[in-house]
């Protein structure tokens, strides 16, 4: 899933903080002809959303390696991770 902190910095020149990590205001987006609305969450917002019969056992927010091959992403990814990896295991029956 996209890392919750990924949306707080711009990925252009210059790199700037564009919103607070804790701002839950919806963000409209457009990709080609597709449009939608992103509803930002913090990491702590994600855990209560897990079903009760699952237990989170691993959370990774990895640094991006090899961003030099993608210069447009260099500046933003150097400031924080773009992806959050959460592994949960089903508990019980």
Foldseek 3Di string as FASTA:
>chain_A
DWALCLPQWDLAPPIDGDDDSPDQPWDWDDDPPDIDIDGGDHPVRVVVVDDPQKDWDDKDQDQDPPCVVPSSRVNSSVVGGGDIDIDIDGHDD
